[in-house]
Amino acid sequence: MRRLLLLAMVLFCWPGVGLAQRAADPLLGLDDFMLWPSRQLLPGGEAIVVDQAGGRVQAVQRLGGDAELRFFGRCLPAFFRPGPGTGCLPGVKCRAAPPRSSRLEHLVVMIDPGHGGEHSGAVGWGGIVEKQVVLAIARQIAGQLAQVPDVEVILTRRGDETVSLERRVEMANEVGADVFISVHANAFVRSTLGGVETFFHSLEATGEEARRVARYENAPGGKAVEPGPDTVAYILQDIKRAETLRDSSRLAHLVQERLAAALPWENRGVMQADFIVLRGTSMPSVLLELGFLTNPDDARLLKRTDSHRAVARAVRDSVVQFWGLLRRKLARNASGGGKP
């Protein structure tokens, strides 16, 4: 049977996906890569995270206590996986991934560490590099959220890799994320400018500062991205997803309030602008600008691991609070209670 499965993998696995590899952990073998659950807790608080997209399992990651995602191997296509409650880790109780429901009993959060690969982002005081610091913070956020029951966390990138802005949006929509959070750090020509900002989408920017940040983040390779010919289409899209934008605003204010209190930095408030990674998402989405790397005080804060943990806790608590608001809103709508 094992040989037949291996042969099937060779014949049916999609391009770029190799054979399921045996993990370094001796407890994990081929059968463990056929996991049904999206997330399993292991002794010591670790979690097995199974990435799924388009109905197919793509990869197995292990999320350790240090919030480092460790690659375990590629998986079999979904139609080879056993049903719920089978093929589990030894000594670990299985929990089948709950079906998506209108009651939001299971929350999927997409965390998007900005830049990466050939796009370094801002470089600030002491040589701090945006793509590195936001990845470290995103991992901490993933680690915090992974400990919340019934929350599944997926990252758009796990290492120093190039992922286009458009692909990040596609990934969020493909996995059916309920919340999308893009993590960035700011920069400016004057070192006196500092603080934390949270953005949600609008074609009309809040002000010149919001336009400046959007221009910068929409051009990760350093080349300015001009508005395309589909402005009318984007306006119509925003009208259609008005409720999603209202939810994005709610999430942005919750996150900003907690982030501003998490570290001793200036509270620059919630803003709106036309970010590529926010304009095409079909779920509540926000973009975080976690301090200015060009400000020496902010840069010193963002170099510290304890600061990363504080930011992660603030984001986790905001997401949990927002999840509660969404569930109460859905309950009111279901009972005919009207808008929140």
Protein backbone atom coordinates (compact mmCIF):
# COMPACT_ATOMS: atom_id res chain seq x y z
CA MET A 1 0.00 0.00 0.00
CA ARG A 2 2.81 2.40 0.86
CA ARG A 3 4.44 1.83 -2.54
CA LEU A 4 1.14 2.46 -4.32
CA LEU A 5 0.73 5.74 -2.47
CA LEU A 6 4.25 6.85 -3.38
CA LEU A 7 3.61 5.98 -7.02
CA ALA A 8 0.37 7.92 -6.93
CA MET A 9 2.23 10.92 -5.58
CA VAL A 10 4.65 10.84 -8.49
CA LEU A 11 1.81 10.56 -10.99
CA PHE A 12 -0.63 13.04 -9.53
CA CYS A 13 1.26 15.68 -7.55
CA TRP A 14 1.05 19.09 -9.14
CA PRO A 15 4.15 20.84 -10.61
CA GLY A 16 6.72 22.01 -8.10
CA VAL A 17 5.48 19.70 -5.35
CA GLY A 18 7.77 16.82 -4.61
CA LEU A 19 7.35 13.67 -2.60
CA ALA A 20 6.31 14.00 0.99
CA GLN A 21 9.55 14.06 2.93
CA ARG A 22 10.06 12.36 6.25
CA ALA A 23 10.45 14.97 8.95
CA ALA A 24 13.41 15.26 11.26
CA ASP A 25 11.12 14.43 14.18
CA PRO A 26 11.08 10.60 14.46
CA LEU A 27 7.41 10.69 15.44
CA LEU A 28 6.43 12.04 12.04
CA GLY A 29 6.33 9.92 8.93
CA LEU A 30 4.58 9.76 5.58
CA ASP A 31 1.17 9.06 7.08
CA ASP A 32 1.44 12.19 9.18
CA PHE A 33 1.65 14.31 6.05
CA MET A 34 -1.85 13.09 5.21
CA LEU A 35 -3.31 15.06 8.11
CA TRP A 36 -6.84 16.34 7.81
CA PRO A 37 -6.80 18.96 10.59
CA SER A 38 -5.66 22.44 9.73
CA ARG A 39 -3.99 22.75 13.11
CA GLN A 40 -3.03 20.33 15.89
CA LEU A 41 -1.60 21.17 19.27
CA LEU A 42 1.39 19.16 20.43
CA PRO A 43 2.75 18.73 23.95
CA GLY A 44 4.65 21.84 24.99
CA GLY A 45 2.32 24.20 23.13
CA GLU A 46 3.69 23.59 19.65
CA ALA A 47 1.31 23.35 16.72
CA ILE A 48 1.24 21.52 13.43
CA VAL A 49 -0.05 23.88 10.75
CA VAL A 50 -1.34 22.38 7.51
CA ASP A 51 -1.58 24.92 4.71
CA GLN A 52 -4.51 24.47 2.36
CA ALA A 53 -5.44 26.33 -0.80
CA GLY A 54 -7.99 25.54 -3.43
CA GLY A 55 -9.06 22.38 -1.61
CA ARG A 56 -5.53 20.95 -1.60
CA VAL A 57 -3.06 20.57 1.20
CA GLN A 58 0.17 22.28 0.22
CA ALA A 59 2.62 21.99 3.08
CA VAL A 60 3.05 21.04 6.71
CA GLN A 61 4.71 23.45 9.10
CA ARG A 62 5.62 23.13 12.75
CA LEU A 63 5.14 26.24 14.85
CA GLY A 64 7.47 26.08 17.83
CA GLY A 65 7.46 27.99 21.07
CA ASP A 66 9.80 30.54 19.50
CA ALA A 67 7.20 31.16 16.76
CA GLU A 68 9.54 29.78 14.11
CA LEU A 69 7.74 27.92 11.33
CA ARG A 70 9.72 24.82 10.42
CA PHE A 71 9.05 23.17 7.09
CA PHE A 72 8.10 19.51 7.43
CA GLY A 73 7.36 18.52 3.86
CA ARG A 74 4.93 18.57 1.01
CA CYS A 75 1.61 16.79 1.25
CA LEU A 76 -0.48 14.48 -0.84
CA PRO A 77 -3.30 15.96 -2.91
CA ALA A 78 -6.50 16.33 -0.92
CA PHE A 79 -8.22 13.31 -2.46
CA PHE A 80 -5.55 11.01 -0.97
CA ARG A 81 -6.05 12.30 2.56
CA PRO A 82 -7.98 10.19 5.06
CA GLY A 83 -11.17 11.50 6.61
CA PRO A 84 -11.46 13.38 9.89
CA GLY A 85 -10.14 11.59 12.94
CA THR A 86 -7.64 9.40 11.08
CA GLY A 87 -3.95 9.62 10.23
CA CYS A 88 -3.11 11.68 13.30
CA LEU A 89 0.06 12.20 15.24
CA PRO A 90 0.80 9.53 17.88
CA GLY A 91 -0.76 10.41 21.21
CA VAL A 92 -2.41 13.57 19.91
CA LYS A 93 -6.16 13.98 19.76
CA CYS A 94 -7.27 14.89 16.25
CA ARG A 95 -9.54 17.79 15.49
CA ALA A 96 -10.94 17.93 12.00
CA ALA A 97 -10.83 21.37 10.43
CA PRO A 98 -14.35 22.77 10.94
CA PRO A 99 -16.30 23.51 7.77
CA ARG A 100 -16.55 27.20 6.90
CA SER A 101 -19.80 28.55 8.26
CA SER A 102 -21.63 31.83 8.44
CA ARG A 103 -21.24 31.72 12.23
CA LEU A 104 -17.45 32.24 12.09
CA GLU A 105 -16.77 29.37 14.50
CA HIS A 106 -13.35 28.96 12.86
CA LEU A 107 -11.24 32.01 12.01
CA VAL A 108 -8.59 32.01 9.28
CA VAL A 109 -6.06 34.85 9.61
CA MET A 110 -3.60 35.67 6.83
CA ILE A 111 -0.49 37.47 8.08
CA ASP A 112 1.49 39.23 5.36
CA PRO A 113 5.10 40.19 6.22
CA GLY A 114 5.89 43.04 3.82
CA HIS A 115 8.66 43.02 1.22
CA GLY A 116 11.11 40.07 1.19
CA GLY A 117 13.60 38.60 -1.25
CA GLU A 118 14.85 41.20 -3.69
CA HIS A 119 12.69 43.86 -2.02
CA SER A 120 14.38 44.89 1.21
CA GLY A 121 12.03 47.71 2.11
CA ALA A 122 13.35 50.52 4.28
CA VAL A 123 16.80 50.43 5.88
CA GLY A 124 17.08 52.43 9.06
CA TRP A 125 19.24 53.25 12.07
CA GLY A 126 21.90 50.70 12.92
CA GLY A 127 21.31 48.88 9.63
CA ILE A 128 17.85 47.59 10.61
CA VAL A 129 16.12 46.22 7.47
CA GLU A 130 12.36 46.30 7.07
CA LYS A 131 11.93 42.91 5.39
CA GLN A 132 13.76 41.23 8.27
CA VAL A 133 12.09 42.97 11.18
CA VAL A 134 8.55 42.60 9.81
CA LEU A 135 9.10 38.88 9.20
CA ALA A 136 10.26 38.45 12.80
CA ILE A 137 7.21 40.33 14.06
CA ALA A 138 4.85 38.42 11.75
CA ARG A 139 6.17 35.14 13.13
CA GLN A 140 5.50 36.36 16.65
CA ILE A 141 1.97 37.36 15.65
CA ALA A 142 1.44 33.93 14.08
CA GLY A 143 2.72 32.27 17.24
CA GLN A 144 0.36 34.25 19.45
CA LEU A 145 -2.69 33.66 17.26
CA ALA A 146 -1.91 29.96 16.82
CA GLN A 147 -2.48 29.48 20.55
CA VAL A 148 -6.07 30.78 20.29
CA PRO A 149 -8.55 27.90 19.90
CA ASP A 150 -10.19 27.65 16.47
CA VAL A 151 -7.87 30.20 14.90
CA GLU A 152 -5.81 29.15 11.87
CA VAL A 153 -2.88 31.33 10.81
CA ILE A 154 -1.25 31.41 7.37
CA LEU A 155 1.73 33.56 6.32
CA THR A 156 2.22 34.89 2.81
CA ARG A 157 5.95 34.28 3.18
CA ARG A 158 7.97 32.35 5.75
CA GLY A 159 11.47 33.34 4.74
CA ASP A 160 13.43 35.83 2.67
CA GLU A 161 11.50 35.29 -0.54
CA THR A 162 10.01 37.57 -3.17
CA VAL A 163 6.21 37.52 -3.29
CA SER A 164 4.43 40.03 -5.53
CA LEU A 165 1.78 42.28 -4.05
CA GLU A 166 -0.81 40.79 -6.38
CA ARG A 167 0.09 37.25 -5.33
CA ARG A 168 -0.36 38.15 -1.66
CA VAL A 169 -3.92 39.24 -2.43
CA GLU A 170 -4.56 36.07 -4.43
CA MET A 171 -3.31 33.90 -1.57
CA ALA A 172 -5.66 35.56 0.92
CA ASN A 173 -8.63 35.07 -1.38
CA GLU A 174 -7.65 31.51 -2.33
CA VAL A 175 -7.48 30.24 1.24
CA GLY A 176 -10.70 32.03 2.16
CA ALA A 177 -9.11 34.11 4.92
CA ASP A 178 -11.47 35.87 7.30
CA VAL A 179 -8.90 38.54 8.23
CA PHE A 180 -5.85 39.89 6.35
CA ILE A 181 -3.08 41.81 8.15
CA SER A 182 -0.10 43.21 6.24
CA VAL A 183 2.90 44.05 8.46
CA HIS A 184 5.29 46.88 7.55
CA ALA A 185 7.59 49.50 9.08
CA ASN A 186 7.71 53.11 7.98
CA ALA A 187 10.54 55.46 6.93
CA PHE A 188 10.95 59.16 6.20
CA VAL A 189 13.65 61.63 5.22
CA ARG A 190 13.41 63.35 8.63
CA SER A 191 14.53 61.24 11.56
CA THR A 192 12.22 63.13 13.93
CA LEU A 193 9.10 61.54 12.43
CA GLY A 194 8.00 58.44 14.34
CA GLY A 195 5.07 56.43 15.60
CA VAL A 196 2.62 53.69 14.65
CA GLU A 197 -0.13 53.88 12.02
CA THR A 198 -2.85 51.48 10.85
CA PHE A 199 -4.41 51.70 7.38
CA PHE A 200 -7.47 50.32 5.67
CA HIS A 201 -8.40 50.68 2.02
CA SER A 202 -9.77 53.72 0.24
CA LEU A 203 -9.13 55.11 -3.23
CA GLU A 204 -9.04 58.55 -1.60
CA ALA A 205 -6.14 58.90 0.84
CA THR A 206 -6.65 60.50 4.24
CA GLY A 207 -3.91 63.05 3.52
CA GLU A 208 -0.48 63.54 2.01
CA GLU A 209 1.17 61.26 4.58
CA ALA A 210 -1.21 58.43 3.70
CA ARG A 211 -0.59 58.97 -0.03
CA ARG A 212 3.16 58.93 0.56
CA VAL A 213 3.04 55.65 2.45
CA ALA A 214 0.80 54.02 -0.16
CA ARG A 215 3.10 55.14 -3.01
CA TYR A 216 6.07 53.65 -1.16
CA GLU A 217 4.42 50.34 -0.28
CA ASN A 218 2.92 49.95 -3.77
CA ALA A 219 6.40 50.16 -5.31
CA PRO A 220 8.43 47.52 -3.41
CA GLY A 221 11.05 47.39 -6.14
CA GLY A 222 11.58 51.16 -6.09
CA LYS A 223 9.58 51.82 -9.26
CA ALA A 224 6.51 53.97 -8.81
CA VAL A 225 3.20 52.33 -9.62
CA GLU A 226 0.87 54.73 -11.38
CA PRO A 227 -2.92 54.41 -11.08
CA GLY A 228 -4.20 52.01 -13.71
CA PRO A 229 -7.11 52.40 -16.14
CA ASP A 230 -9.45 50.45 -13.84
CA THR A 231 -10.17 53.25 -11.36
CA VAL A 232 -13.91 53.05 -12.10
CA ALA A 233 -13.80 49.29 -11.58
CA TYR A 234 -12.13 49.75 -8.20
CA ILE A 235 -14.75 52.32 -7.18
CA LEU A 236 -17.53 49.87 -8.10
CA GLN A 237 -15.68 47.13 -6.24
CA ASP A 238 -15.49 49.27 -3.11
CA ILE A 239 -19.21 50.01 -3.33
CA LYS A 240 -19.97 46.31 -3.58
CA ARG A 241 -17.84 45.49 -0.55
CA ALA A 242 -18.94 48.42 1.57
CA GLU A 243 -19.67 46.20 4.57
CA THR A 244 -16.22 44.61 4.32
CA LEU A 245 -14.65 48.07 4.32
CA ARG A 246 -16.68 49.00 7.39
CA ASP A 247 -15.37 45.89 9.09
CA SER A 248 -11.84 46.81 7.98
CA SER A 249 -12.33 50.20 9.65
CA ARG A 250 -13.48 48.52 12.87
CA LEU A 251 -10.47 46.20 12.83
CA ALA A 252 -8.08 49.06 12.08
CA HIS A 253 -9.28 51.09 15.06
CA LEU A 254 -9.08 48.10 17.41
CA VAL A 255 -5.55 47.26 16.28
CA GLN A 256 -4.34 50.86 16.38
CA GLU A 257 -5.62 51.41 19.90
CA ARG A 258 -3.80 48.36 21.25
CA LEU A 259 -0.62 48.96 19.25
CA ALA A 260 -0.40 52.53 20.47
CA ALA A 261 -0.54 51.27 24.06
CA ALA A 262 1.83 48.34 23.51
CA LEU A 263 5.05 50.37 23.14
CA PRO A 264 6.20 53.91 23.99
CA TRP A 265 5.75 55.34 20.51
CA GLU A 266 3.57 58.07 19.03
CA ASN A 267 -0.01 57.18 18.16
CA ARG A 268 -0.42 58.46 14.60
CA GLY A 269 -3.93 57.06 14.28
CA VAL A 270 -5.95 55.22 11.64
CA MET A 271 -5.62 56.31 8.01
CA GLN A 272 -6.93 55.30 4.59
CA ALA A 273 -5.12 54.93 1.28
CA ASP A 274 -5.07 52.86 -1.90
CA PHE A 275 -2.72 49.98 -1.10
CA ILE A 276 -2.48 47.19 -3.66
CA VAL A 277 -2.50 44.51 -0.95
CA LEU A 278 -5.74 45.94 0.48
CA ARG A 279 -7.70 46.90 -2.63
CA GLY A 280 -8.31 43.36 -3.92
CA THR A 281 -8.92 41.39 -0.74
CA SER A 282 -12.41 40.04 -0.14
CA MET A 283 -12.15 40.07 3.67
CA PRO A 284 -11.55 42.73 6.36
CA SER A 285 -7.97 43.88 5.76
CA VAL A 286 -5.55 46.28 7.39
CA LEU A 287 -1.95 47.35 6.88
CA LEU A 288 0.26 48.12 9.89
CA GLU A 289 3.14 50.63 9.83
CA LEU A 290 5.01 49.69 12.99
CA GLY A 291 7.16 52.69 13.71
CA PHE A 292 9.71 54.53 11.57
CA LEU A 293 13.02 52.75 11.02
CA THR A 294 14.53 56.16 10.28
CA ASN A 295 13.63 57.33 13.79
CA PRO A 296 16.36 56.20 16.23
CA ASP A 297 13.92 55.60 19.10
CA ASP A 298 11.52 53.55 16.97
CA ALA A 299 14.43 51.63 15.43
CA ARG A 300 15.78 50.72 18.86
CA LEU A 301 12.32 49.50 19.89
CA LEU A 302 11.91 47.38 16.78
CA LYS A 303 15.28 45.66 17.25
CA ARG A 304 14.11 44.14 20.54
CA THR A 305 12.44 40.74 20.76
CA ASP A 306 10.31 41.85 23.71
CA SER A 307 8.92 44.63 21.51
CA HIS A 308 8.02 42.06 18.87
CA ARG A 309 6.16 40.05 21.50
CA ALA A 310 4.31 43.15 22.72
CA VAL A 311 3.20 43.97 19.18
CA ALA A 312 2.12 40.35 18.64
CA ARG A 313 0.02 40.32 21.80
CA ALA A 314 -1.64 43.59 20.79
CA VAL A 315 -2.52 42.22 17.34
CA ARG A 316 -3.74 38.92 18.81
CA ASP A 317 -6.02 40.64 21.31
CA SER A 318 -7.36 42.97 18.61
CA VAL A 319 -8.16 40.07 16.28
CA VAL A 320 -9.90 38.13 19.06
CA GLN A 321 -11.96 41.20 19.99
CA PHE A 322 -12.82 41.81 16.33
CA TRP A 323 -13.82 38.16 15.92
CA GLY A 324 -16.25 38.58 18.79
CA LEU A 325 -17.73 41.69 17.15
CA LEU A 326 -18.21 39.84 13.86
CA ARG A 327 -19.93 36.92 15.55
CA ARG A 328 -22.28 39.20 17.47
CA LYS A 329 -23.08 41.10 14.27
CA LEU A 330 -23.87 37.87 12.44
CA ALA A 331 -26.06 36.72 15.32
CA ARG A 332 -27.99 40.00 15.26
CA ASN A 333 -28.44 39.83 11.50
CA ALA A 334 -29.64 36.24 11.76
CA SER A 335 -32.23 37.25 14.34
CA GLY A 336 -33.32 40.28 12.33
CA GLY A 337 -31.77 42.73 14.77
CA GLY A 338 -30.31 44.99 12.09
CA LYS A 339 -26.87 46.61 11.90
CA PRO A 340 -24.46 46.75 14.88
